[in-house]
């Protein structure tokens, strides 16, 4: 993975805070998720040293709407959607 991470996006909300149900097309794509795997890091081109990533497995992160590339893993019908993104695309780590 080098400088990439794999993120499982949070589920979209199906209700508003006041309790109204949202139709599928009105749901917002979540911009948060949990890191499932991280790469080893990136190589500093000047020194050749490995620079480890700051995010780690299990971190909850916030990312932009168009961050990462969506991939599907698993058998048909039970596919799991994950995002592969660069650590640079992570906006924040949520505690």
PDB file of N, CA and C in Angstrom:
ATOM      1  N   UNK A   1       0.809  -1.208   0.000  1.00  0.00           N
ATOM      2  CA  UNK A   1       0.000   0.000   0.000  1.00  0.00           C
ATOM      3  C   UNK A   1       0.847   1.264   0.000  1.00  0.00           C
ATOM      4  N   UNK A   2       2.070   1.184   0.450  1.00  0.00           N
ATOM      5  CA  UNK A   2       2.989   2.325   0.546  1.00  0.00           C
ATOM      6  C   UNK A   2       2.346   3.492   1.291  1.00  0.00           C
ATOM      7  N   UNK A   3       1.948   4.570   0.601  1.00  0.00           N
ATOM      8  CA  UNK A   3       1.367   5.736   1.280  1.00  0.00           C
ATOM      9  C   UNK A   3      -0.153   5.741   1.203  1.00  0.00           C
ATOM     10  N   UNK A   4      -0.749   4.599   0.960  1.00  0.00           N
ATOM     11  CA  UNK A   4      -2.207   4.496   0.825  1.00  0.00           C
ATOM     12  C   UNK A   4      -2.825   3.892   2.084  1.00  0.00           C
ATOM     13  N   UNK A   5      -4.122   4.184   2.259  1.00  0.00           N
ATOM     14  CA  UNK A   5      -4.886   3.591   3.343  1.00  0.00           C
ATOM     15  C   UNK A   5      -6.195   3.048   2.774  1.00  0.00           C
ATOM     16  N   UNK A   6      -6.803   2.101   3.466  1.00  0.00           N
ATOM     17  CA  UNK A   6      -8.105   1.566   3.079  1.00  0.00           C
ATOM     18  C   UNK A   6      -9.102   1.960   4.163  1.00  0.00           C
ATOM     19  N   UNK A   7     -10.219   2.549   3.729  1.00  0.00           N
ATOM     20  CA  UNK A   7     -11.215   3.084   4.655  1.00  0.00           C
ATOM     21  C   UNK A   7     -12.576   2.460   4.371  1.00  0.00           C
ATOM     22  N   UNK A   8     -13.267   2.051   5.423  1.00  0.00           N
ATOM     23  CA  UNK A   8     -14.663   1.614   5.314  1.00  0.00           C
ATOM     24  C   UNK A   8     -15.521   2.833   5.634  1.00  0.00           C
ATOM     25  N   UNK A   9     -16.255   3.303   4.610  1.00  0.00           N
ATOM     26  CA  UNK A   9     -17.096   4.488   4.760  1.00  0.00           C
ATOM     27  C   UNK A   9     -18.246   4.185   5.715  1.00  0.00           C
ATOM     28  N   UNK A  10     -18.629   5.169   6.540  1.00  0.00           N
ATOM     29  CA  UNK A  10     -19.772   5.029   7.442  1.00  0.00           C
ATOM     30  C   UNK A  10     -21.052   4.883   6.635  1.00  0.00           C
ATOM     31  N   UNK A  11     -22.065   4.292   7.250  1.00  0.00           N
ATOM     32  CA  UNK A  11     -23.372   4.124   6.608  1.00  0.00           C
ATOM     33  C   UNK A  11     -24.075   5.473   6.514  1.00  0.00           C
ATOM     34  N   UNK A  12     -24.835   5.669   5.437  1.00  0.00           N
ATOM     35  CA  UNK A  12     -25.602   6.899   5.260  1.00  0.00           C
ATOM     36  C   UNK A  12     -26.773   6.918   6.242  1.00  0.00           C
ATOM     37  N   UNK A  13     -27.071   8.095   6.748  1.00  0.00           N
ATOM     38  CA  UNK A  13     -28.199   8.261   7.666  1.00  0.00           C
ATOM     39  C   UNK A  13     -29.503   8.073   6.897  1.00  0.00           C
ATOM     40  N   UNK A  14     -30.451   7.351   7.475  1.00  0.00           N
ATOM     41  CA  UNK A  14     -31.730   7.162   6.802  1.00  0.00           C
ATOM     42  C   UNK A  14     -32.846   8.004   7.428  1.00  0.00           C
ATOM     43  N   UNK A  15     -32.502   8.768   8.478  1.00  0.00           N
ATOM     44  CA  UNK A  15     -33.467   9.652   9.127  1.00  0.00           C
ATOM     45  C   UNK A  15     -32.786  10.969   9.467  1.00  0.00           C
ATOM     46  N   UNK A  16     -33.590  12.003   9.525  1.00  0.00           N
ATOM     47  CA  UNK A  16     -33.083  13.291   9.988  1.00  0.00           C
ATOM     48  C   UNK A  16     -33.085  13.292  11.509  1.00  0.00           C
ATOM     49  N   UNK A  17     -32.507  14.335  12.101  1.00  0.00           N
ATOM     50  CA  UNK A  17     -32.493  14.428  13.561  1.00  0.00           C
ATOM     51  C   UNK A  17     -33.894  14.542  14.136  1.00  0.00           C
ATOM     52  N   UNK A  18     -34.821  15.097  13.346  1.00  0.00           N
ATOM     53  CA  UNK A  18     -36.204  15.240  13.831  1.00  0.00           C
ATOM     54  C   UNK A  18     -37.036  13.989  13.600  1.00  0.00           C
ATOM     55  N   UNK A  19     -36.432  12.941  12.968  1.00  0.00           N
ATOM     56  CA  UNK A  19     -37.127  11.672  12.815  1.00  0.00           C
ATOM     57  C   UNK A  19     -37.732  11.410  11.454  1.00  0.00           C
ATOM     58  N   UNK A  20     -37.557  12.322  10.511  1.00  0.00           N
ATOM     59  CA  UNK A  20     -38.096  12.115   9.169  1.00  0.00           C
ATOM     60  C   UNK A  20     -37.236  11.131   8.400  1.00  0.00           C
ATOM     61  N   UNK A  21     -37.869  10.198   7.687  1.00  0.00           N
ATOM     62  CA  UNK A  21     -37.136   9.247   6.869  1.00  0.00           C
ATOM     63  C   UNK A  21     -36.713   9.895   5.563  1.00  0.00           C
ATOM     64  N   UNK A  22     -35.484   9.601   5.125  1.00  0.00           N
ATOM     65  CA  UNK A  22     -34.949  10.157   3.888  1.00  0.00           C
ATOM     66  C   UNK A  22     -35.050   9.137   2.756  1.00  0.00           C
ATOM     67  N   UNK A  23     -35.510   9.553   1.571  1.00  0.00           N
ATOM     68  CA  UNK A  23     -35.485   8.639   0.425  1.00  0.00           C
ATOM     69  C   UNK A  23     -34.037   8.424  -0.033  1.00  0.00           C
ATOM     70  N   UNK A  24     -33.780   7.352  -0.756  1.00  0.00           N
ATOM     71  CA  UNK A  24     -32.422   7.000  -1.181  1.00  0.00           C
ATOM     72  C   UNK A  24     -31.701   8.147  -1.875  1.00  0.00           C
ATOM     73  N   UNK A  25     -32.384   8.854  -2.772  1.00  0.00           N
ATOM     74  CA  UNK A  25     -31.706   9.902  -3.542  1.00  0.00           C
ATOM     75  C   UNK A  25     -31.435  11.153  -2.725  1.00  0.00           C
ATOM     76  N   UNK A  26     -32.033  11.284  -1.550  1.00  0.00           N
ATOM     77  CA  UNK A  26     -31.810  12.454  -0.700  1.00  0.00           C
ATOM     78  C   UNK A  26     -30.701  12.223   0.312  1.00  0.00           C
ATOM     79  N   UNK A  27     -30.223  10.993   0.421  1.00  0.00           N
ATOM     80  CA  UNK A  27     -29.185  10.693   1.403  1.00  0.00           C
ATOM     81  C   UNK A  27     -27.851  11.252   0.940  1.00  0.00           C
ATOM     82  N   UNK A  28     -27.125  11.810   1.877  1.00  0.00           N
ATOM     83  CA  UNK A  28     -25.791  12.318   1.614  1.00  0.00           C
ATOM     84  C   UNK A  28     -24.779  11.185   1.755  1.00  0.00           C
ATOM     85  N   UNK A  29     -23.783  11.157   0.879  1.00  0.00           N
ATOM     86  CA  UNK A  29     -22.721  10.163   1.001  1.00  0.00           C
ATOM     87  C   UNK A  29     -21.845  10.555   2.187  1.00  0.00           C
ATOM     88  N   UNK A  30     -21.672   9.677   3.165  1.00  0.00           N
ATOM     89  CA  UNK A  30     -20.864  10.016   4.339  1.00  0.00           C
ATOM     90  C   UNK A  30     -19.422  10.345   3.966  1.00  0.00           C
ATOM     91  N   UNK A  31     -18.878  11.317   4.655  1.00  0.00           N
ATOM     92  CA  UNK A  31     -17.499  11.737   4.437  1.00  0.00           C
ATOM     93  C   UNK A  31     -16.624  11.338   5.615  1.00  0.00           C
ATOM     94  N   UNK A  32     -17.074  10.322   6.341  1.00  0.00           N
ATOM     95  CA  UNK A  32     -16.316   9.795   7.469  1.00  0.00           C
ATOM     96  C   UNK A  32     -16.216   8.285   7.330  1.00  0.00           C
ATOM     97  N   UNK A  33     -15.245   7.714   7.997  1.00  0.00           N
ATOM     98  CA  UNK A  33     -15.089   6.271   7.964  1.00  0.00           C
ATOM     99  C   UNK A  33     -14.010   5.819   8.924  1.00  0.00           C
ATOM    100  N   UNK A  34     -13.795   4.499   8.940  1.00  0.00           N
ATOM    101  CA  UNK A  34     -12.802   3.892   9.827  1.00  0.00           C
ATOM    102  C   UNK A  34     -11.707   3.262   8.970  1.00  0.00           C
ATOM    103  N   UNK A  35     -10.466   3.530   9.333  1.00  0.00           N
ATOM    104  CA  UNK A  35      -9.317   2.993   8.611  1.00  0.00           C
ATOM    105  C   UNK A  35      -9.222   1.493   8.868  1.00  0.00           C
ATOM    106  N   UNK A  36      -9.194   0.701   7.784  1.00  0.00           N
ATOM    107  CA  UNK A  36      -9.123  -0.754   7.880  1.00  0.00           C
ATOM    108  C   UNK A  36      -7.702  -1.279   7.712  1.00  0.00           C
ATOM    109  N   UNK A  37      -6.873  -0.567   6.932  1.00  0.00           N
ATOM    110  CA  UNK A  37      -5.485  -0.991   6.702  1.00  0.00           C
ATOM    111  C   UNK A  37      -4.660   0.225   6.310  1.00  0.00           C
ATOM    112  N   UNK A  38      -3.386   0.193   6.634  1.00  0.00           N
ATOM    113  CA  UNK A  38      -2.470   1.280   6.264  1.00  0.00           C
ATOM    114  C   UNK A  38      -1.216   0.701   5.628  1.00  0.00           C
ATOM    115  N   UNK A  39      -0.625   1.496   4.747  1.00  0.00           N
ATOM    116  CA  UNK A  39       0.625   1.101   4.112  1.00  0.00           C
ATOM    117  C   UNK A  39       1.807   1.361   5.029  1.00  0.00           C
ATOM    118  N   UNK A  40       2.979   1.060   4.525  1.00  0.00           N
ATOM    119  CA  UNK A  40       4.200   1.223   5.315  1.00  0.00           C
ATOM    120  C   UNK A  40       4.655   2.667   5.393  1.00  0.00           C
ATOM    121  N   UNK A  41       4.283   3.481   4.426  1.00  0.00           N
ATOM    122  CA  UNK A  41       4.691   4.881   4.411  1.00  0.00           C
ATOM    123  C   UNK A  41       5.275   5.251   3.067  1.00  0.00           C
ATOM    124  N   UNK A  42       5.892   6.406   3.016  1.00  0.00           N
ATOM    125  CA  UNK A  42       6.487   6.900   1.784  1.00  0.00           C
ATOM    126  C   UNK A  42       7.992   7.060   1.971  1.00  0.00           C
ATOM    127  N   UNK A  43       8.713   7.024   0.885  1.00  0.00           N
ATOM    128  CA  UNK A  43      10.173   7.161   0.936  1.00  0.00           C
ATOM    129  C   UNK A  43      10.554   8.615   0.681  1.00  0.00           C
ATOM    130  N   UNK A  44      11.401   9.177   1.536  1.00  0.00           N
ATOM    131  CA  UNK A  44      11.944  10.512   1.328  1.00  0.00           C
ATOM    132  C   UNK A  44      12.943  10.425   0.185  1.00  0.00           C
ATOM    133  N   UNK A  45      12.702  11.150  -0.894  1.00  0.00           N
ATOM    134  CA  UNK A  45      13.549  11.045  -2.081  1.00  0.00           C
ATOM    135  C   UNK A  45      14.957  11.592  -1.867  1.00  0.00           C
ATOM    136  N   UNK A  46      15.131  12.487  -0.904  1.00  0.00           N
ATOM    137  CA  UNK A  46      16.456  13.057  -0.649  1.00  0.00           C
ATOM    138  C   UNK A  46      17.319  12.151   0.223  1.00  0.00           C
ATOM    139  N   UNK A  47      16.715  11.578   1.275  1.00  0.00           N
ATOM    140  CA  UNK A  47      17.498  10.780   2.220  1.00  0.00           C
ATOM    141  C   UNK A  47      17.309   9.279   2.043  1.00  0.00           C
ATOM    142  N   UNK A  48      16.236   8.890   1.374  1.00  0.00           N
ATOM    143  CA  UNK A  48      15.953   7.470   1.200  1.00  0.00           C
ATOM    144  C   UNK A  48      15.326   6.821   2.417  1.00  0.00           C
ATOM    145  N   UNK A  49      14.992   7.610   3.431  1.00  0.00           N
ATOM    146  CA  UNK A  49      14.398   7.074   4.654  1.00  0.00           C
ATOM    147  C   UNK A  49      12.896   6.894   4.494  1.00  0.00           C
ATOM    148  N   UNK A  50      12.361   5.903   5.190  1.00  0.00           N
ATOM    149  CA  UNK A  50      10.934   5.632   5.193  1.00  0.00           C
ATOM    150  C   UNK A  50      10.235   6.584   6.168  1.00  0.00           C
ATOM    151  N   UNK A  51       9.219   7.280   5.689  1.00  0.00           N
ATOM    152  CA  UNK A  51       8.434   8.172   6.531  1.00  0.00           C
ATOM    153  C   UNK A  51       7.108   7.460   6.805  1.00  0.00           C
ATOM    154  N   UNK A  52       6.879   6.989   8.033  1.00  0.00           N
ATOM    155  CA  UNK A  52       5.649   6.246   8.338  1.00  0.00           C
ATOM    156  C   UNK A  52       4.414   7.142   8.274  1.00  0.00           C
ATOM    157  N   UNK A  53       3.262   6.517   8.074  1.00  0.00           N
ATOM    158  CA  UNK A  53       2.002   7.248   8.030  1.00  0.00           C
ATOM    159  C   UNK A  53       1.580   7.643   9.443  1.00  0.00           C
ATOM    160  N   UNK A  54       0.807   8.728   9.541  1.00  0.00           N
ATOM    161  CA  UNK A  54       0.352   9.178  10.857  1.00  0.00           C
ATOM    162  C   UNK A  54      -0.971   8.534  11.249  1.00  0.00           C
ATOM    163  N   UNK A  55      -1.784   8.121  10.263  1.00  0.00           N
ATOM    164  CA  UNK A  55      -3.027   7.427  10.603  1.00  0.00           C
ATOM    165  C   UNK A  55      -2.717   5.963  10.865  1.00  0.00           C
ATOM    166  N   UNK A  56      -3.545   5.339  11.689  1.00  0.00           N
ATOM    167  CA  UNK A  56      -3.338   3.922  11.976  1.00  0.00           C
ATOM    168  C   UNK A  56      -4.661   3.175  11.878  1.00  0.00           C
ATOM    169  N   UNK A  57      -4.582   1.880  11.800  1.00  0.00           N
ATOM    170  CA  UNK A  57      -5.770   1.044  11.694  1.00  0.00           C
ATOM    171  C   UNK A  57      -6.694   1.326  12.876  1.00  0.00           C
ATOM    172  N   UNK A  58      -7.984   1.501  12.588  1.00  0.00           N
ATOM    173  CA  UNK A  58      -8.966   1.765  13.635  1.00  0.00           C
ATOM    174  C   UNK A  58      -9.283   3.233  13.831  1.00  0.00           C
ATOM    175  N   UNK A  59      -8.472   4.141  13.251  1.00  0.00           N
ATOM    176  CA  UNK A  59      -8.748   5.574  13.375  1.00  0.00           C
ATOM    177  C   UNK A  59     -10.022   5.937  12.619  1.00  0.00           C
ATOM    178  N   UNK A  60     -10.822   6.820  13.193  1.00  0.00           N
ATOM    179  CA  UNK A  60     -11.980   7.379  12.484  1.00  0.00           C
ATOM    180  C   UNK A  60     -11.487   8.649  11.799  1.00  0.00           C
ATOM    181  N   UNK A  61     -11.732   8.758  10.491  1.00  0.00           N
ATOM    182  CA  UNK A  61     -11.209   9.869   9.717  1.00  0.00           C
ATOM    183  C   UNK A  61     -12.323  10.607   8.974  1.00  0.00           C
ATOM    184  N   UNK A  62     -12.037  11.861   8.636  1.00  0.00           N
ATOM    185  CA  UNK A  62     -12.897  12.683   7.796  1.00  0.00           C
ATOM    186  C   UNK A  62     -12.137  12.931   6.508  1.00  0.00           C
ATOM    187  N   UNK A  63     -12.836  12.828   5.367  1.00  0.00           N
ATOM    188  CA  UNK A  63     -12.202  13.039   4.071  1.00  0.00           C
ATOM    189  C   UNK A  63     -13.146  13.817   3.172  1.00  0.00           C
ATOM    190  N   UNK A  64     -12.647  14.322   2.061  1.00  0.00           N
ATOM    191  CA  UNK A  64     -13.485  15.114   1.157  1.00  0.00           C
ATOM    192  C   UNK A  64     -14.417  14.217   0.353  1.00  0.00           C
ATOM    193  N   UNK A  65     -15.393  14.819  -0.281  1.00  0.00           N
ATOM    194  CA  UNK A  65     -16.423  14.084  -1.031  1.00  0.00           C
ATOM    195  C   UNK A  65     -15.847  13.189  -2.120  1.00  0.00           C
ATOM    196  N   UNK A  66     -14.829  13.658  -2.799  1.00  0.00           N
ATOM    197  CA  UNK A  66     -14.295  12.933  -3.948  1.00  0.00           C
ATOM    198  C   UNK A  66     -12.981  12.226  -3.647  1.00  0.00           C
ATOM    199  N   UNK A  67     -12.675  12.012  -2.391  1.00  0.00           N
ATOM    200  CA  UNK A  67     -11.427  11.368  -1.996  1.00  0.00           C
ATOM    201  C   UNK A  67     -11.458   9.878  -2.296  1.00  0.00           C
ATOM    202  N   UNK A  68     -10.334   9.355  -2.677  1.00  0.00           N
ATOM    203  CA  UNK A  68     -10.170   7.917  -2.824  1.00  0.00           C
ATOM    204  C   UNK A  68     -10.825   7.310  -4.048  1.00  0.00           C
ATOM    205  N   UNK A  69     -10.559   6.028  -4.197  1.00  0.00           N
ATOM    206  CA  UNK A  69     -11.130   5.216  -5.263  1.00  0.00           C
ATOM    207  C   UNK A  69     -11.922   4.111  -4.610  1.00  0.00           C
ATOM    208  N   UNK A  70     -13.205   3.987  -4.992  1.00  0.00           N
ATOM    209  CA  UNK A  70     -14.054   2.962  -4.394  1.00  0.00           C
ATOM    210  C   UNK A  70     -13.769   1.613  -5.032  1.00  0.00           C
ATOM    211  N   UNK A  71     -13.604   0.600  -4.193  1.00  0.00           N
ATOM    212  CA  UNK A  71     -13.407  -0.770  -4.667  1.00  0.00           C
ATOM    213  C   UNK A  71     -14.458  -1.660  -4.014  1.00  0.00           C
ATOM    214  N   UNK A  72     -14.752  -2.771  -4.658  1.00  0.00           N
ATOM    215  CA  UNK A  72     -15.697  -3.739  -4.111  1.00  0.00           C
ATOM    216  C   UNK A  72     -14.960  -5.047  -3.899  1.00  0.00           C
ATOM    217  N   UNK A  73     -15.085  -5.607  -2.707  1.00  0.00           N
ATOM    218  CA  UNK A  73     -14.455  -6.881  -2.368  1.00  0.00           C
ATOM    219  C   UNK A  73     -15.511  -7.874  -1.936  1.00  0.00           C
ATOM    220  N   UNK A  74     -15.319  -9.125  -2.257  1.00  0.00           N
ATOM    221  CA  UNK A  74     -16.239 -10.164  -1.830  1.00  0.00           C
ATOM    222  C   UNK A  74     -17.022 -10.741  -2.982  1.00  0.00           C
ATOM    223  N   UNK A  75     -17.854 -11.716  -2.656  1.00  0.00           N
ATOM    224  CA  UNK A  75     -18.675 -12.398  -3.653  1.00  0.00           C
ATOM    225  C   UNK A  75     -19.858 -11.526  -4.047  1.00  0.00           C
ATOM    226  N   UNK A  76     -20.373 -11.772  -5.239  1.00  0.00           N
ATOM    227  CA  UNK A  76     -21.528 -11.021  -5.724  1.00  0.00           C
ATOM    228  C   UNK A  76     -22.692 -11.160  -4.751  1.00  0.00           C
ATOM    229  N   UNK A  77     -23.349 -10.066  -4.470  1.00  0.00           N
ATOM    230  CA  UNK A  77     -24.465 -10.064  -3.530  1.00  0.00           C
ATOM    231  C   UNK A  77     -24.046  -9.726  -2.115  1.00  0.00           C
ATOM    232  N   UNK A  78     -22.805 -10.018  -1.760  1.00  0.00           N
ATOM    233  CA  UNK A  78     -22.315  -9.687  -0.422  1.00  0.00           C
ATOM    234  C   UNK A  78     -21.032  -8.864  -0.518  1.00  0.00           C
ATOM    235  N   UNK A  79     -20.972  -8.038  -1.561  1.00  0.00           N
ATOM    236  CA  UNK A  79     -19.791  -7.214  -1.767  1.00  0.00           C
ATOM    237  C   UNK A  79     -19.675  -6.134  -0.699  1.00  0.00           C
ATOM    238  N   UNK A  80     -18.449  -5.852  -0.339  1.00  0.00           N
ATOM    239  CA  UNK A  80     -18.168  -4.797   0.618  1.00  0.00           C
ATOM    240  C   UNK A  80     -17.482  -3.664  -0.133  1.00  0.00           C
ATOM    241  N   UNK A  81     -17.993  -2.426   0.032  1.00  0.00           N
ATOM    242  CA  UNK A  81     -17.407  -1.268  -0.631  1.00  0.00           C
ATOM    243  C   UNK A  81     -16.409  -0.607   0.306  1.00  0.00           C
ATOM    244  N   UNK A  82     -15.194  -0.422  -0.184  1.00  0.00           N
ATOM    245  CA  UNK A  82     -14.129   0.224   0.571  1.00  0.00           C
ATOM    246  C   UNK A  82     -13.530   1.334  -0.267  1.00  0.00           C
ATOM    247  N   UNK A  83     -12.822   2.247   0.374  1.00  0.00           N
ATOM    248  CA  UNK A  83     -12.121   3.321  -0.324  1.00  0.00           C
ATOM    249  C   UNK A  83     -10.624   3.144  -0.155  1.00  0.00           C
ATOM    250  N   UNK A  84      -9.890   3.255  -1.252  1.00  0.00           N
ATOM    251  CA  UNK A  84      -8.430   3.293  -1.201  1.00  0.00           C
ATOM    252  C   UNK A  84      -8.043   4.735  -1.462  1.00  0.00           C
ATOM    253  N   UNK A  85      -7.339   5.334  -0.519  1.00  0.00           N
ATOM    254  CA  UNK A  85      -6.960   6.736  -0.682  1.00  0.00           C
ATOM    255  C   UNK A  85      -5.572   6.991  -0.129  1.00  0.00           C
ATOM    256  N   UNK A  86      -5.010   8.096  -0.550  1.00  0.00           N
ATOM    257  CA  UNK A  86      -3.728   8.540  -0.034  1.00  0.00           C
ATOM    258  C   UNK A  86      -3.941   9.190   1.320  1.00  0.00           C
ATOM    259  N   UNK A  87      -2.945   9.103   2.160  1.00  0.00           N
ATOM    260  CA  UNK A  87      -3.060   9.755   3.478  1.00  0.00           C
ATOM    261  C   UNK A  87      -3.258  11.259   3.312  1.00  0.00           C
ATOM    262  N   UNK A  88      -2.776  11.821   2.215  1.00  0.00           N
ATOM    263  CA  UNK A  88      -2.930  13.253   1.963  1.00  0.00           C
ATOM    264  C   UNK A  88      -4.397  13.655   1.808  1.00  0.00           C
ATOM    265  N   UNK A  89      -5.276  12.716   1.460  1.00  0.00           N
ATOM    266  CA  UNK A  89      -6.689  13.006   1.261  1.00  0.00           C
ATOM    267  C   UNK A  89      -7.479  13.028   2.564  1.00  0.00           C
ATOM    268  N   UNK A  90      -6.857  12.605   3.659  1.00  0.00           N
ATOM    269  CA  UNK A  90      -7.516  12.630   4.972  1.00  0.00           C
ATOM    270  C   UNK A  90      -7.455  14.065   5.494  1.00  0.00           C
ATOM    271  N   UNK A  91      -8.631  14.605   5.839  1.00  0.00           N
ATOM    272  CA  UNK A  91      -8.706  15.967   6.351  1.00  0.00           C
ATOM    273  C   UNK A  91      -8.468  16.040   7.853  1.00  0.00           C
ATOM    274  N   UNK A  92      -8.931  15.000   8.583  1.00  0.00           N
ATOM    275  CA  UNK A  92      -8.799  15.002  10.037  1.00  0.00           C
ATOM    276  C   UNK A  92      -8.970  13.602  10.593  1.00  0.00           C
ATOM    277  N   UNK A  93      -8.383  13.373  11.754  1.00  0.00           N
ATOM    278  CA  UNK A  93      -8.597  12.158  12.527  1.00  0.00           C
ATOM    279  C   UNK A  93      -9.492  12.553  13.694  1.00  0.00           C
ATOM    280  N   UNK A  94     -10.607  11.838  13.870  1.00  0.00           N
ATOM    281  CA  UNK A  94     -11.584  12.156  14.904  1.00  0.00           C
ATOM    282  C   UNK A  94     -11.302  11.299  16.127  1.00  0.00           C
ATOM    283  N   UNK A  95     -11.254  11.929  17.302  1.00  0.00           N
ATOM    284  CA  UNK A  95     -11.057  11.187  18.554  1.00  0.00           C
ATOM    285  C   UNK A  95     -12.366  10.739  19.112  1.00  0.00           C
TER     286      UNK A  95
END
